[in-house]
Amino acid sequence: MAGNVITTDKQVQAAGVGRYGLGDGLMLDVKAAKSGGEPGKYWTMRYTAPATGKARWLGLGAYPKVSLAGARKARDAAQELLNQGIDPLEHRAADKAARRVAAAEADTRIFDKVAQAFIEAKSPGWSNRKHIAQWTATLNTYASPIIGALDVAAINTEHILTVLTRQQPDDPKSKGIWNDKPETASRVRGRIESVLAYAAARGLVNGSNPATWRGHLSALLPSPRKVRKVEHHAALDFRDISAFMAELRQAEGMGARALEFGVLCASRSSEIRLATWGEIDLQAAVWTIPGERMKAKRAHRVPLSEPAVALLRSLGPGEPDTLVFESTLRAGRPLSDATLNAVIERMGYDVTQHGFRSTFRDWAAETTNYPNIVCEMALAHTVGNAVEAAYRRGDLLERRKALMTDWAAYCAQVPEAAVVTPIRGSAESAA
């Protein structure tokens, strides 16, 4: 009933199926519900298009989401456009298009997208293609959870401090990567600074760079060099591990083999030196360390990569209760902890056997996408209670097998021709 006229909200509520006029072109269309429910009520406006002189209908929303007063306000806004010779439907379409363009532009301004653009722009000049994976992995692991979805212009000093100092997930003892992993943290900070400098060069950011160290973050954080001084286990930079392993494989003696095995398994010294053949299943490629020999007092299964299995086969197998890495000076006795570190010292490196666990952890964080819990369980670390409960029924052996296979492959890469200088105290303790 086009002739029906309603003027009050109470009449709108009571209106049955039909079309009602409210004056000045505002209409209420009431349509029967298909499923027999409440009828739908929709505000419309009939107007004459300025360009063609033809009648058009403009939707103004549904009742009761848009009230009678709201519909009249929308009608008045549309009439104001008509008074200026602007078609309301054309104006609405242009506005939607502009918002789509603005949303797409905003998406290109978020940190993750700018970082991706930076890497694509700079990587052709990088001498080592592995740097792409390293940059991507460090930013994804440490920066993205905090600033990845932020407009680069909105990133401030507090955001950067949060990236560097927040407690790491699943590690209740973490004091943030600035204290736990100072060398990694320095790389993360430097890479964020580079991405934001790139954003500034593209005109996406104005003002000072919040990730700058000198004269800015240096006033808020301790020097990475000073943080390193309190670390207990000097570690090799993971980028140097292939050269180290190539040299280690040439070294003779049981100590060298034990050290090589320990690097491949990312295991603690005591776990390696006291390993017995009864703990090793060469067929299944699994080493099961009993709980009494583990720091957490729980049995731990270690997936053995092919190079680790080949190393063991070259030594044995022996009787179940005999040591895998027996001292050559004292029959039936294990190697001493000093023996493994002596091998490293003779090779000219100022690092420790335990530090290779940190080397492994840095490699996993910076060059792979394995979840944090998989990497932590590979090191036999105790994870947070909530996470531990979620994985109580298993130890992620298959996921860890893939991780250790990738680690062994990385260790076996042909070293680059560049001279490798051992890093002094470069990574955190991975106790």
Protein backbone atom coordinates (compact mmCIF):
# COMPACT_ATOMS: atom_id res chain seq x y z
CA MET A 1 0.00 0.00 0.00
CA ALA A 2 1.89 2.94 -1.40
CA GLY A 3 -0.78 5.32 -0.17
CA ASN A 4 -0.27 4.39 3.46
CA VAL A 5 1.33 7.16 5.49
CA ILE A 6 3.01 6.70 8.89
CA THR A 7 4.66 9.38 10.95
CA THR A 8 5.56 7.83 14.33
CA ASP A 9 7.87 5.11 15.60
CA LYS A 10 4.90 3.30 17.11
CA GLN A 11 3.30 3.11 13.66
CA VAL A 12 6.57 1.74 12.23
CA GLN A 13 6.55 -1.02 14.84
CA ALA A 14 2.95 -1.96 14.05
CA ALA A 15 3.25 -1.75 10.25
CA GLY A 16 2.29 -4.88 8.32
CA VAL A 17 3.46 -6.07 4.92
CA GLY A 18 3.35 -3.24 2.37
CA ARG A 19 4.97 0.07 1.41
CA TYR A 20 4.49 3.18 3.52
CA GLY A 21 5.31 6.80 2.80
CA LEU A 22 6.72 9.14 5.41
CA GLY A 23 7.02 12.28 3.26
CA ASP A 24 9.93 13.87 1.34
CA GLY A 25 10.61 10.63 -0.54
CA LEU A 26 11.28 8.48 2.57
CA MET A 27 9.58 5.09 2.38
CA LEU A 28 9.26 2.01 4.63
CA ASP A 29 9.06 -1.32 2.80
CA VAL A 30 7.73 -4.20 4.91
CA LYS A 31 8.34 -7.62 3.36
CA ALA A 32 6.99 -10.97 4.50
CA ALA A 33 9.57 -13.33 6.01
CA LYS A 34 10.22 -16.47 3.94
CA SER A 35 10.32 -18.73 7.00
CA GLY A 36 7.18 -17.35 8.61
CA GLY A 37 9.04 -15.19 11.14
CA GLU A 38 8.84 -11.47 11.71
CA PRO A 39 8.49 -9.43 8.48
CA GLY A 40 11.55 -7.45 7.37
CA LYS A 41 11.33 -3.67 7.43
CA TYR A 42 13.61 -1.58 5.20
CA TRP A 43 14.02 2.15 4.71
CA THR A 44 14.25 3.43 1.14
CA MET A 45 14.23 6.78 -0.59
CA ARG A 46 12.85 7.53 -4.01
CA TYR A 47 14.61 10.33 -5.87
CA THR A 48 15.23 11.65 -9.36
CA ALA A 49 18.78 11.13 -10.68
CA PRO A 50 20.36 14.52 -11.55
CA ALA A 51 22.12 13.22 -14.66
CA THR A 52 19.26 11.26 -16.27
CA GLY A 53 16.04 12.55 -14.73
CA LYS A 54 15.00 8.98 -14.04
CA ALA A 55 13.64 7.65 -10.75
CA ARG A 56 16.04 5.70 -8.52
CA TRP A 57 15.76 3.99 -5.16
CA LEU A 58 18.33 4.41 -2.37
CA GLY A 59 18.45 1.91 0.49
CA LEU A 60 18.88 3.56 3.90
CA GLY A 61 19.09 0.48 6.15
CA ALA A 62 16.85 -1.95 8.02
CA TYR A 63 14.55 -1.25 10.96
CA PRO A 64 15.07 -1.43 13.96
CA LYS A 65 18.85 -1.18 13.45
CA VAL A 66 18.14 2.15 11.74
CA SER A 67 15.45 3.96 13.71
CA LEU A 68 12.87 6.32 12.29
CA ALA A 69 15.01 9.29 13.37
CA GLY A 70 18.08 7.67 11.81
CA ALA A 71 16.26 7.09 8.54
CA ARG A 72 15.17 10.72 8.39
CA LYS A 73 18.75 11.82 9.07
CA ALA A 74 20.02 9.61 6.24
CA ARG A 75 17.26 10.95 3.96
CA ASP A 76 18.32 14.53 4.76
CA ALA A 77 21.98 13.72 3.98
CA ALA A 78 20.98 12.22 0.62
CA GLN A 79 18.81 15.24 -0.15
CA GLU A 80 21.76 17.54 0.59
CA LEU A 81 23.80 15.66 -2.03
CA LEU A 82 20.95 16.03 -4.52
CA ASN A 83 20.83 19.76 -3.84
CA GLN A 84 24.50 19.84 -4.93
CA GLY A 85 23.71 17.89 -8.11
CA ILE A 86 25.29 14.68 -6.76
CA ASP A 87 23.59 11.30 -7.23
CA PRO A 88 23.50 9.58 -3.76
CA LEU A 89 23.94 6.08 -5.24
CA GLU A 90 26.93 7.17 -7.34
CA HIS A 91 28.37 8.93 -4.29
CA ARG A 92 27.97 5.77 -2.19
CA ALA A 93 29.70 3.62 -4.83
CA ALA A 94 32.59 6.09 -5.10
CA ASP A 95 32.93 6.15 -1.30
CA LYS A 96 33.09 2.34 -1.13
CA ALA A 97 35.73 2.26 -3.85
CA ALA A 98 37.80 4.88 -2.03
CA ARG A 99 37.59 2.89 1.21
CA ARG A 100 38.72 -0.26 -0.59
CA VAL A 101 41.72 1.59 -1.99
CA ALA A 102 42.50 3.04 1.45
CA ALA A 103 42.25 -0.42 3.06
CA ALA A 104 44.57 -1.91 0.44
CA GLU A 105 47.03 0.93 0.96
CA ALA A 106 46.86 0.49 4.74
CA ASP A 107 47.64 -3.21 4.31
CA THR A 108 50.87 -2.36 2.49
CA ARG A 109 51.89 -0.14 5.41
CA ILE A 110 51.86 -2.80 8.13
CA PHE A 111 55.27 -3.89 9.39
CA ASP A 112 55.14 -7.47 8.04
CA LYS A 113 54.35 -6.26 4.51
CA VAL A 114 56.99 -3.52 4.63
CA ALA A 115 59.56 -6.03 5.93
CA GLN A 116 58.71 -8.36 3.05
CA ALA A 117 59.10 -5.51 0.57
CA PHE A 118 62.43 -4.53 2.16
CA ILE A 119 63.79 -8.08 1.85
CA GLU A 120 62.64 -8.31 -1.77
CA ALA A 121 64.29 -4.97 -2.53
CA LYS A 122 67.60 -5.67 -0.79
CA SER A 123 68.13 -9.41 -1.20
CA PRO A 124 69.42 -9.24 -4.82
CA GLY A 125 72.50 -7.52 -3.39
CA TRP A 126 73.11 -10.06 -0.62
CA SER A 127 76.03 -12.35 -1.30
CA ASN A 128 74.47 -15.29 0.57
CA ARG A 129 70.91 -16.30 -0.36
CA LYS A 130 70.50 -17.92 3.08
CA HIS A 131 70.25 -14.40 4.50
CA ILE A 132 66.69 -14.20 3.15
CA ALA A 133 65.61 -17.13 5.33
CA GLN A 134 67.53 -15.74 8.30
CA TRP A 135 65.95 -12.28 8.04
CA THR A 136 62.48 -13.74 7.54
CA ALA A 137 62.81 -16.21 10.42
CA THR A 138 64.10 -13.71 13.00
CA LEU A 139 61.46 -11.11 12.16
CA ASN A 140 58.66 -13.71 12.10
CA THR A 141 59.77 -15.20 15.41
CA TYR A 142 60.45 -12.10 17.44
CA ALA A 143 59.02 -8.97 15.77
CA SER A 144 55.79 -10.11 14.10
CA PRO A 145 53.94 -11.18 17.26
CA ILE A 146 54.25 -7.61 18.60
CA ILE A 147 54.46 -5.23 15.63
CA GLY A 148 53.71 -7.36 12.57
CA ALA A 149 50.15 -6.05 12.11
CA LEU A 150 50.91 -2.42 13.03
CA ASP A 151 51.17 0.47 10.60
CA VAL A 152 54.89 1.30 10.49
CA ALA A 153 54.06 4.92 11.32
CA ALA A 154 52.42 3.77 14.58
CA ILE A 155 55.43 1.79 15.86
CA ASN A 156 57.09 3.50 18.81
CA THR A 157 59.86 2.90 21.32
CA GLU A 158 57.61 0.96 23.69
CA HIS A 159 56.79 -1.50 20.94
CA ILE A 160 60.49 -2.10 20.25
CA LEU A 161 61.23 -2.55 23.95
CA THR A 162 58.42 -5.10 24.17
CA VAL A 163 59.90 -7.08 21.28
CA LEU A 164 63.31 -7.14 22.96
CA THR A 165 62.37 -7.62 26.61
CA ARG A 166 59.08 -9.55 26.78
CA GLN A 167 59.14 -12.99 28.37
CA GLN A 168 59.37 -15.65 25.68
CA PRO A 169 56.34 -17.95 25.30
CA ASP A 170 56.55 -21.30 27.12
CA ASP A 171 59.62 -20.21 29.09
CA PRO A 172 58.74 -18.97 32.60
CA LYS A 173 62.42 -18.24 33.29
CA SER A 174 62.83 -16.01 30.24
CA LYS A 175 63.93 -12.42 30.79
CA GLY A 176 63.43 -11.49 27.15
CA ILE A 177 65.77 -12.04 24.25
CA TRP A 178 67.85 -8.98 25.14
CA ASN A 179 69.00 -10.81 28.27
CA ASP A 180 68.54 -14.42 27.12
CA LYS A 181 69.99 -14.09 23.62
CA PRO A 182 71.86 -10.79 23.32
CA GLU A 183 73.45 -11.50 19.94
CA THR A 184 70.13 -12.64 18.46
CA ALA A 185 68.42 -9.63 20.05
CA SER A 186 70.98 -7.27 18.52
CA ARG A 187 70.29 -8.73 15.09
CA VAL A 188 66.54 -8.43 15.62
CA ARG A 189 66.86 -4.78 16.69
CA GLY A 190 69.14 -3.98 13.77
CA ARG A 191 66.80 -5.63 11.28
CA ILE A 192 63.78 -3.77 12.64
CA GLU A 193 65.78 -0.54 12.39
CA SER A 194 66.62 -1.31 8.75
CA VAL A 195 62.99 -2.07 7.87
CA LEU A 196 61.80 1.17 9.48
CA ALA A 197 64.56 3.14 7.74
CA TYR A 198 63.33 1.64 4.44
CA ALA A 199 59.78 2.68 5.38
CA ALA A 200 60.98 6.24 6.04
CA ALA A 201 62.74 6.35 2.67
CA ARG A 202 59.45 5.39 1.02
CA GLY A 203 57.65 8.17 2.84
CA LEU A 204 55.66 5.85 5.10
CA VAL A 205 57.22 7.11 8.34
CA ASN A 206 58.13 10.53 9.67
CA GLY A 207 60.36 11.32 12.61
CA SER A 208 63.11 9.38 14.35
CA ASN A 209 63.56 5.63 14.09
CA PRO A 210 62.40 3.97 17.36
CA ALA A 211 64.75 1.00 16.86
CA THR A 212 67.91 3.14 16.71
CA TRP A 213 70.54 2.04 19.24
CA ARG A 214 72.98 4.92 19.63
CA GLY A 215 71.50 7.84 21.51
CA HIS A 216 68.13 6.14 21.90
CA LEU A 217 67.72 2.49 22.99
CA SER A 218 71.27 2.64 24.39
CA ALA A 219 69.84 4.89 27.12
CA LEU A 220 67.18 2.29 28.00
CA LEU A 221 68.90 -1.10 27.67
CA PRO A 222 72.24 -2.53 28.84
CA SER A 223 74.92 -2.94 26.21
CA PRO A 224 74.75 -6.38 24.53
CA ARG A 225 78.48 -6.74 25.23
CA LYS A 226 77.90 -6.33 28.96
CA VAL A 227 75.02 -8.79 28.90
CA ARG A 228 77.28 -11.35 27.24
CA LYS A 229 79.75 -11.15 30.09
CA VAL A 230 77.35 -12.88 32.46
CA GLU A 231 76.67 -15.80 30.11
CA HIS A 232 78.10 -19.12 31.23
CA HIS A 233 78.44 -21.05 27.98
CA ALA A 234 80.21 -19.40 25.05
CA ALA A 235 78.63 -20.56 21.80
CA LEU A 236 79.55 -20.67 18.15
CA ASP A 237 77.56 -18.53 15.74
CA PHE A 238 75.28 -20.99 13.90
CA ARG A 239 76.50 -19.64 10.54
CA ASP A 240 79.93 -21.10 11.35
CA ILE A 241 78.75 -24.59 12.34
CA SER A 242 79.31 -26.25 8.95
CA ALA A 243 82.95 -25.14 8.86
CA PHE A 244 83.43 -26.28 12.46
CA MET A 245 81.88 -29.70 11.77
CA ALA A 246 83.97 -30.20 8.64
CA GLU A 247 87.08 -29.61 10.74
CA LEU A 248 85.80 -31.75 13.61
CA ARG A 249 85.21 -34.73 11.33
CA GLN A 250 88.92 -34.67 10.50
CA ALA A 251 89.90 -34.84 14.19
CA GLU A 252 90.76 -38.24 15.63
CA GLY A 253 89.90 -39.77 18.99
CA MET A 254 86.86 -40.75 21.03
CA GLY A 255 86.51 -37.23 22.38
CA ALA A 256 86.07 -35.84 18.87
CA ARG A 257 83.41 -38.46 18.06
CA ALA A 258 81.53 -37.77 21.28
CA LEU A 259 81.61 -34.05 20.56
CA GLU A 260 80.40 -34.60 16.98
CA PHE A 261 77.55 -36.79 18.23
CA GLY A 262 76.64 -34.21 20.85
CA VAL A 263 76.42 -31.43 18.26
CA LEU A 264 74.21 -33.54 15.99
CA CYS A 265 71.87 -34.36 18.90
CA ALA A 266 72.11 -30.95 20.69
CA SER A 267 72.63 -32.90 23.91
CA ARG A 268 74.22 -32.09 27.25
CA SER A 269 77.73 -33.33 28.03
CA SER A 270 76.69 -35.83 30.70
CA GLU A 271 73.98 -37.30 28.48
CA ILE A 272 76.57 -37.98 25.76
CA ARG A 273 79.43 -39.19 27.94
CA LEU A 274 77.31 -41.62 29.97
CA ALA A 275 75.31 -43.03 27.04
CA THR A 276 75.24 -46.84 26.86
CA TRP A 277 74.57 -49.07 23.90
CA GLY A 278 71.45 -50.36 25.66
CA GLU A 279 69.91 -46.89 25.26
CA ILE A 280 70.49 -46.88 21.50
CA ASP A 281 68.07 -48.41 18.99
CA LEU A 282 69.91 -48.16 15.68
CA GLN A 283 67.08 -49.80 13.78
CA ALA A 284 64.52 -47.23 14.95
CA ALA A 285 67.15 -44.44 15.03
CA VAL A 286 66.17 -43.45 18.56
CA TRP A 287 68.28 -42.87 21.67
CA THR A 288 66.27 -43.18 24.90
CA ILE A 289 67.96 -41.53 27.88
CA PRO A 290 66.59 -42.79 31.21
CA GLY A 291 65.02 -40.30 33.60
CA GLU A 292 67.72 -40.65 36.26
CA ARG A 293 70.27 -39.21 33.84
CA MET A 294 68.08 -36.29 32.71
CA LYS A 295 68.05 -32.84 34.29
CA ALA A 296 64.22 -32.90 34.46
CA LYS A 297 64.25 -36.48 35.83
CA ARG A 298 62.06 -37.76 32.98
CA ALA A 299 63.07 -40.20 30.25
CA HIS A 300 63.87 -38.43 26.99
CA ARG A 301 63.82 -39.87 23.48
CA VAL A 302 66.29 -38.37 21.03
CA PRO A 303 65.62 -38.93 17.28
CA LEU A 304 68.88 -39.80 15.55
CA SER A 305 69.65 -38.30 12.15
CA GLU A 306 71.37 -40.40 9.50
CA PRO A 307 74.80 -38.86 10.22
CA ALA A 308 74.34 -39.62 13.94
CA VAL A 309 73.40 -43.26 13.19
CA ALA A 310 76.37 -43.61 10.82
CA LEU A 311 78.71 -42.29 13.51
CA LEU A 312 77.37 -44.82 16.02
CA ARG A 313 77.67 -47.71 13.55
CA SER A 314 81.31 -46.78 13.02
CA LEU A 315 81.89 -47.31 16.76
CA GLY A 316 79.80 -50.39 17.51
CA PRO A 317 77.36 -51.54 18.56
CA GLY A 318 78.64 -52.86 21.86
CA GLU A 319 77.11 -54.73 24.78
CA PRO A 320 73.98 -53.08 26.23
CA ASP A 321 75.65 -52.04 29.49
CA THR A 322 78.86 -50.69 27.94
CA LEU A 323 79.52 -47.04 27.28
CA VAL A 324 79.19 -45.73 23.73
CA PHE A 325 82.02 -43.23 24.23
CA GLU A 326 84.43 -45.03 26.52
CA SER A 327 87.68 -43.45 27.68
CA THR A 328 90.70 -44.79 25.82
CA LEU A 329 92.87 -44.09 28.87
CA ARG A 330 90.68 -45.72 31.49
CA ALA A 331 88.91 -48.88 30.32
CA GLY A 332 85.24 -48.98 31.18
CA ARG A 333 85.21 -45.37 32.36
CA PRO A 334 83.43 -42.46 30.69
CA LEU A 335 85.13 -39.52 29.05
CA SER A 336 85.49 -36.45 31.26
CA ASP A 337 83.68 -33.22 30.53
CA ALA A 338 87.10 -31.60 30.09
CA THR A 339 87.86 -34.03 27.25
CA LEU A 340 85.13 -32.60 25.00
CA ASN A 341 86.11 -29.01 25.68
CA ALA A 342 89.77 -29.91 25.11
CA VAL A 343 88.90 -31.04 21.58
CA ILE A 344 87.34 -27.64 20.93
CA GLU A 345 90.33 -25.83 22.42
CA ARG A 346 92.80 -27.77 20.24
CA MET A 347 90.76 -26.72 17.21
CA GLY A 348 91.31 -23.10 18.20
CA TYR A 349 87.76 -22.16 19.19
CA ASP A 350 86.93 -20.23 22.34
CA VAL A 351 83.53 -21.88 22.88
CA THR A 352 82.19 -24.73 25.05
CA GLN A 353 80.50 -28.03 24.32
CA HIS A 354 77.36 -26.87 26.11
CA GLY A 355 77.31 -23.75 23.96
CA PHE A 356 76.46 -25.85 20.89
CA ARG A 357 72.96 -26.24 22.34
CA SER A 358 72.64 -22.47 22.06
CA THR A 359 74.03 -22.65 18.53
CA PHE A 360 71.32 -25.17 17.66
CA ARG A 361 68.58 -23.09 19.29
CA ASP A 362 69.63 -19.91 17.47
CA TRP A 363 69.72 -21.78 14.15
CA ALA A 364 66.21 -23.17 14.76
CA ALA A 365 64.81 -19.75 15.71
CA GLU A 366 66.45 -17.78 12.92
CA THR A 367 66.30 -20.11 9.93
CA THR A 368 63.36 -22.49 10.46
CA ASN A 369 59.63 -22.32 11.09
CA TYR A 370 59.48 -25.11 13.67
CA PRO A 371 57.22 -24.21 16.64
CA ASN A 372 58.96 -23.08 19.79
CA ILE A 373 57.76 -26.12 21.76
CA VAL A 374 59.34 -28.53 19.23
CA CYS A 375 62.70 -26.76 19.55
CA GLU A 376 62.48 -26.64 23.33
CA MET A 377 61.58 -30.32 23.58
CA ALA A 378 64.52 -31.15 21.30
CA LEU A 379 66.71 -29.63 24.01
CA ALA A 380 64.80 -31.54 26.72
CA HIS A 381 63.75 -28.25 28.27
CA THR A 382 60.77 -28.15 30.61
CA VAL A 383 58.01 -26.17 28.94
CA GLY A 384 55.24 -24.16 30.56
CA ASN A 385 52.52 -26.05 32.42
CA ALA A 386 49.67 -25.16 30.07
CA VAL A 387 51.63 -26.13 26.99
CA GLU A 388 53.03 -29.24 28.66
CA ALA A 389 49.50 -30.39 29.48
CA ALA A 390 48.48 -30.01 25.86
CA TYR A 391 51.28 -32.33 24.75
CA ARG A 392 51.23 -34.68 27.74
CA ARG A 393 50.25 -37.66 25.62
CA GLY A 394 53.30 -37.42 23.37
CA ASP A 395 56.81 -36.04 23.03
CA LEU A 396 56.53 -34.77 19.43
CA LEU A 397 59.12 -37.34 18.33
CA GLU A 398 58.20 -37.18 14.64
CA ARG A 399 58.28 -33.39 14.59
CA ARG A 400 61.64 -33.45 16.39
CA LYS A 401 62.95 -36.08 13.96
CA ALA A 402 62.34 -33.69 11.06
CA LEU A 403 64.00 -30.87 13.02
CA MET A 404 67.13 -32.90 13.80
CA THR A 405 67.34 -34.13 10.19
CA ASP A 406 67.34 -30.51 9.02
CA TRP A 407 69.94 -29.61 11.65
CA ALA A 408 72.25 -32.43 10.52
CA ALA A 409 71.87 -31.31 6.91
CA TYR A 410 72.74 -27.74 7.91
CA CYS A 411 75.81 -28.97 9.80
CA ALA A 412 76.91 -30.95 6.75
CA GLN A 413 76.74 -28.06 4.28
CA VAL A 414 79.92 -27.29 2.39
CA PRO A 415 81.51 -24.37 4.25
CA GLU A 416 81.86 -21.08 2.41
CA ALA A 417 85.34 -20.04 1.38
CA ALA A 418 85.42 -17.16 3.83
CA VAL A 419 87.64 -17.42 6.87
CA VAL A 420 85.59 -18.35 9.92
CA THR A 421 86.39 -16.62 13.19
CA PRO A 422 84.99 -18.30 16.31
CA ILE A 423 82.53 -16.10 18.20
CA ARG A 424 83.37 -15.46 21.83
CA GLY A 425 80.41 -15.81 24.15
CA SER A 426 77.97 -15.13 21.35
CA ALA A 427 74.82 -16.90 22.49
CA GLU A 428 72.84 -17.63 25.56
CA SER A 429 73.12 -20.63 27.80
CA ALA A 430 70.65 -23.33 26.82
CA ALA A 431 70.82 -25.18 30.09
